[in-house]
């Protein structure tokens, strides 16, 4: 399934993404807010659910070759972060829901498909 399909099914707000919204997701997700741990453990083509919404988040998403980043808990994503994500081809999605609830919903949906 694609990032866009996940966003639509789970009512995640698309902050930016462009052509990368059609990227296939491998069904694996990762939840963590400590960037150094994410760099070593997040799965390529996976979904990262976090409350971090800064420039370093975008850099880690590129480094890990993630399909998308979901910023949970209603955390603000400023224009600088959005612009960098667009430049780097990183899909940013957002939700008001908690990290755990978001991750469970993504996991359920990916395993149904």
C-alpha atoms as a PDB file:
ATOM      1  CA  UNK A   1       0.000   0.000   0.000  1.00  0.00           C
ATOM      2  CA  UNK A   2       1.057   3.595  -0.491  1.00  0.00           C
ATOM      3  CA  UNK A   3       1.604   6.407   1.965  1.00  0.00           C
ATOM      4  CA  UNK A   4      -1.376   8.213   0.456  1.00  0.00           C
ATOM      5  CA  UNK A   5      -3.655   5.219   1.033  1.00  0.00           C
ATOM      6  CA  UNK A   6      -2.627   5.086   4.691  1.00  0.00           C
ATOM      7  CA  UNK A   7      -3.193   8.825   5.101  1.00  0.00           C
ATOM      8  CA  UNK A   8      -6.643   8.648   3.541  1.00  0.00           C
ATOM      9  CA  UNK A   9      -7.769   5.524   5.395  1.00  0.00           C
ATOM     10  CA  UNK A  10      -6.632   6.811   8.797  1.00  0.00           C
ATOM     11  CA  UNK A  11      -7.574  10.457   8.251  1.00  0.00           C
ATOM     12  CA  UNK A  12      -4.002  11.707   8.622  1.00  0.00           C
ATOM     13  CA  UNK A  13      -3.408  15.255   7.441  1.00  0.00           C
ATOM     14  CA  UNK A  14      -0.933  15.478   4.558  1.00  0.00           C
ATOM     15  CA  UNK A  15       1.480  18.298   5.392  1.00  0.00           C
ATOM     16  CA  UNK A  16       3.711  17.700   2.371  1.00  0.00           C
ATOM     17  CA  UNK A  17       4.617  14.878   0.091  1.00  0.00           C
ATOM     18  CA  UNK A  18       4.065  15.431  -3.612  1.00  0.00           C
ATOM     19  CA  UNK A  19       5.042  12.423  -5.719  1.00  0.00           C
ATOM     20  CA  UNK A  20       6.375  10.643  -2.631  1.00  0.00           C
ATOM     21  CA  UNK A  21       2.778  10.048  -1.512  1.00  0.00           C
ATOM     22  CA  UNK A  22       2.748   7.162  -4.005  1.00  0.00           C
ATOM     23  CA  UNK A  23       5.664   5.473  -2.262  1.00  0.00           C
ATOM     24  CA  UNK A  24       5.025   1.919  -1.138  1.00  0.00           C
ATOM     25  CA  UNK A  25       5.181   1.217   2.592  1.00  0.00           C
ATOM     26  CA  UNK A  26       6.710  -2.055   3.770  1.00  0.00           C
ATOM     27  CA  UNK A  27       4.187  -2.390   6.586  1.00  0.00           C
ATOM     28  CA  UNK A  28       6.740  -1.806   9.334  1.00  0.00           C
ATOM     29  CA  UNK A  29       6.543   1.147  11.628  1.00  0.00           C
ATOM     30  CA  UNK A  30       8.758   2.652  14.257  1.00  0.00           C
ATOM     31  CA  UNK A  31       7.913   4.815  17.266  1.00  0.00           C
ATOM     32  CA  UNK A  32      10.633   6.763  19.015  1.00  0.00           C
ATOM     33  CA  UNK A  33      11.561  10.358  19.772  1.00  0.00           C
ATOM     34  CA  UNK A  34      15.286   9.919  20.351  1.00  0.00           C
ATOM     35  CA  UNK A  35      16.798  10.651  16.957  1.00  0.00           C
ATOM     36  CA  UNK A  36      20.027   8.721  17.477  1.00  0.00           C
ATOM     37  CA  UNK A  37      18.059   5.550  18.180  1.00  0.00           C
ATOM     38  CA  UNK A  38      15.775   6.102  15.182  1.00  0.00           C
ATOM     39  CA  UNK A  39      18.842   6.453  12.942  1.00  0.00           C
ATOM     40  CA  UNK A  40      20.020   2.977  13.877  1.00  0.00           C
ATOM     41  CA  UNK A  41      16.726   1.125  14.078  1.00  0.00           C
ATOM     42  CA  UNK A  42      13.980   2.592  11.882  1.00  0.00           C
ATOM     43  CA  UNK A  43      13.175   0.353   8.905  1.00  0.00           C
ATOM     44  CA  UNK A  44      13.690   1.591   5.347  1.00  0.00           C
ATOM     45  CA  UNK A  45      10.360   2.140   3.578  1.00  0.00           C
ATOM     46  CA  UNK A  46       8.675   2.192   6.978  1.00  0.00           C
ATOM     47  CA  UNK A  47       6.497   4.674   8.826  1.00  0.00           C
ATOM     48  CA  UNK A  48       7.957   6.658  11.725  1.00  0.00           C
ATOM     49  CA  UNK A  49       5.502   7.947  14.328  1.00  0.00           C
ATOM     50  CA  UNK A  50       6.917  10.666  16.556  1.00  0.00           C
ATOM     51  CA  UNK A  51       6.228  13.950  18.312  1.00  0.00           C
ATOM     52  CA  UNK A  52       9.424  15.448  16.925  1.00  0.00           C
ATOM     53  CA  UNK A  53       8.824  18.006  14.200  1.00  0.00           C
ATOM     54  CA  UNK A  54      12.096  19.765  13.536  1.00  0.00           C
ATOM     55  CA  UNK A  55      14.769  19.917  10.838  1.00  0.00           C
ATOM     56  CA  UNK A  56      16.647  16.998  12.378  1.00  0.00           C
ATOM     57  CA  UNK A  57      13.537  14.846  12.000  1.00  0.00           C
ATOM     58  CA  UNK A  58      13.631  15.447   8.250  1.00  0.00           C
ATOM     59  CA  UNK A  59      17.349  14.634   8.121  1.00  0.00           C
ATOM     60  CA  UNK A  60      16.815  11.347   9.969  1.00  0.00           C
ATOM     61  CA  UNK A  61      13.911  10.427   7.676  1.00  0.00           C
ATOM     62  CA  UNK A  62      16.210  10.893   4.670  1.00  0.00           C
ATOM     63  CA  UNK A  63      19.063   8.983   6.291  1.00  0.00           C
ATOM     64  CA  UNK A  64      16.783   6.042   7.148  1.00  0.00           C
ATOM     65  CA  UNK A  65      15.006   6.148   3.769  1.00  0.00           C
ATOM     66  CA  UNK A  66      11.601   6.208   5.477  1.00  0.00           C
ATOM     67  CA  UNK A  67       8.388   6.184   3.480  1.00  0.00           C
ATOM     68  CA  UNK A  68       6.920   8.873   5.736  1.00  0.00           C
ATOM     69  CA  UNK A  69       6.939  10.562   9.112  1.00  0.00           C
ATOM     70  CA  UNK A  70       3.724  10.911  11.109  1.00  0.00           C
ATOM     71  CA  UNK A  71       3.839  13.737  13.622  1.00  0.00           C
ATOM     72  CA  UNK A  72       1.386  12.839  16.387  1.00  0.00           C
ATOM     73  CA  UNK A  73      -0.151  14.532  19.421  1.00  0.00           C
ATOM     74  CA  UNK A  74      -1.022  17.671  17.439  1.00  0.00           C
ATOM     75  CA  UNK A  75       2.562  18.928  17.518  1.00  0.00           C
ATOM     76  CA  UNK A  76       3.141  21.992  15.365  1.00  0.00           C
ATOM     77  CA  UNK A  77       5.155  21.641  12.174  1.00  0.00           C
ATOM     78  CA  UNK A  78       6.618  24.975  11.155  1.00  0.00           C
ATOM     79  CA  UNK A  79       7.144  26.231   7.620  1.00  0.00           C
ATOM     80  CA  UNK A  80      10.921  25.750   7.740  1.00  0.00           C
ATOM     81  CA  UNK A  81      10.493  22.048   8.470  1.00  0.00           C
ATOM     82  CA  UNK A  82       7.829  21.681   5.796  1.00  0.00           C
ATOM     83  CA  UNK A  83      10.016  23.413   3.211  1.00  0.00           C
ATOM     84  CA  UNK A  84      13.002  21.194   4.017  1.00  0.00           C
ATOM     85  CA  UNK A  85      10.840  18.072   3.859  1.00  0.00           C
ATOM     86  CA  UNK A  86       9.553  19.124   0.438  1.00  0.00           C
ATOM     87  CA  UNK A  87      13.123  19.747  -0.766  1.00  0.00           C
ATOM     88  CA  UNK A  88      14.232  16.336   0.462  1.00  0.00           C
ATOM     89  CA  UNK A  89      11.167  14.416  -0.759  1.00  0.00           C
ATOM     90  CA  UNK A  90      10.060  13.480   2.759  1.00  0.00           C
ATOM     91  CA  UNK A  91       6.355  12.907   3.332  1.00  0.00           C
ATOM     92  CA  UNK A  92       5.078  14.543   6.512  1.00  0.00           C
ATOM     93  CA  UNK A  93       1.709  13.511   7.872  1.00  0.00           C
ATOM     94  CA  UNK A  94       0.072  14.861  11.025  1.00  0.00           C
ATOM     95  CA  UNK A  95      -2.569  13.831  13.528  1.00  0.00           C
ATOM     96  CA  UNK A  96      -3.997  15.024  16.808  1.00  0.00           C
ATOM     97  CA  UNK A  97      -4.083  11.444  18.102  1.00  0.00           C
ATOM     98  CA  UNK A  98      -1.500  10.034  20.522  1.00  0.00           C
ATOM     99  CA  UNK A  99       1.552   8.168  19.243  1.00  0.00           C
ATOM    100  CA  UNK A 100       0.370   4.786  20.525  1.00  0.00           C
ATOM    101  CA  UNK A 101      -3.122   5.083  19.091  1.00  0.00           C
ATOM    102  CA  UNK A 102      -1.721   6.249  15.749  1.00  0.00           C
ATOM    103  CA  UNK A 103       0.805   3.427  15.568  1.00  0.00           C
ATOM    104  CA  UNK A 104      -1.822   0.804  16.426  1.00  0.00           C
ATOM    105  CA  UNK A 105      -4.135   2.104  13.705  1.00  0.00           C
ATOM    106  CA  UNK A 106      -1.343   2.058  11.114  1.00  0.00           C
ATOM    107  CA  UNK A 107      -0.297  -1.446  12.149  1.00  0.00           C
ATOM    108  CA  UNK A 108      -3.875  -2.746  11.948  1.00  0.00           C
ATOM    109  CA  UNK A 109      -4.418  -1.208   8.527  1.00  0.00           C
ATOM    110  CA  UNK A 110      -1.111  -2.472   7.111  1.00  0.00           C
ATOM    111  CA  UNK A 111      -1.794  -5.987   8.355  1.00  0.00           C
ATOM    112  CA  UNK A 112      -5.314  -6.035   6.904  1.00  0.00           C
ATOM    113  CA  UNK A 113      -4.169  -5.176   3.397  1.00  0.00           C
END
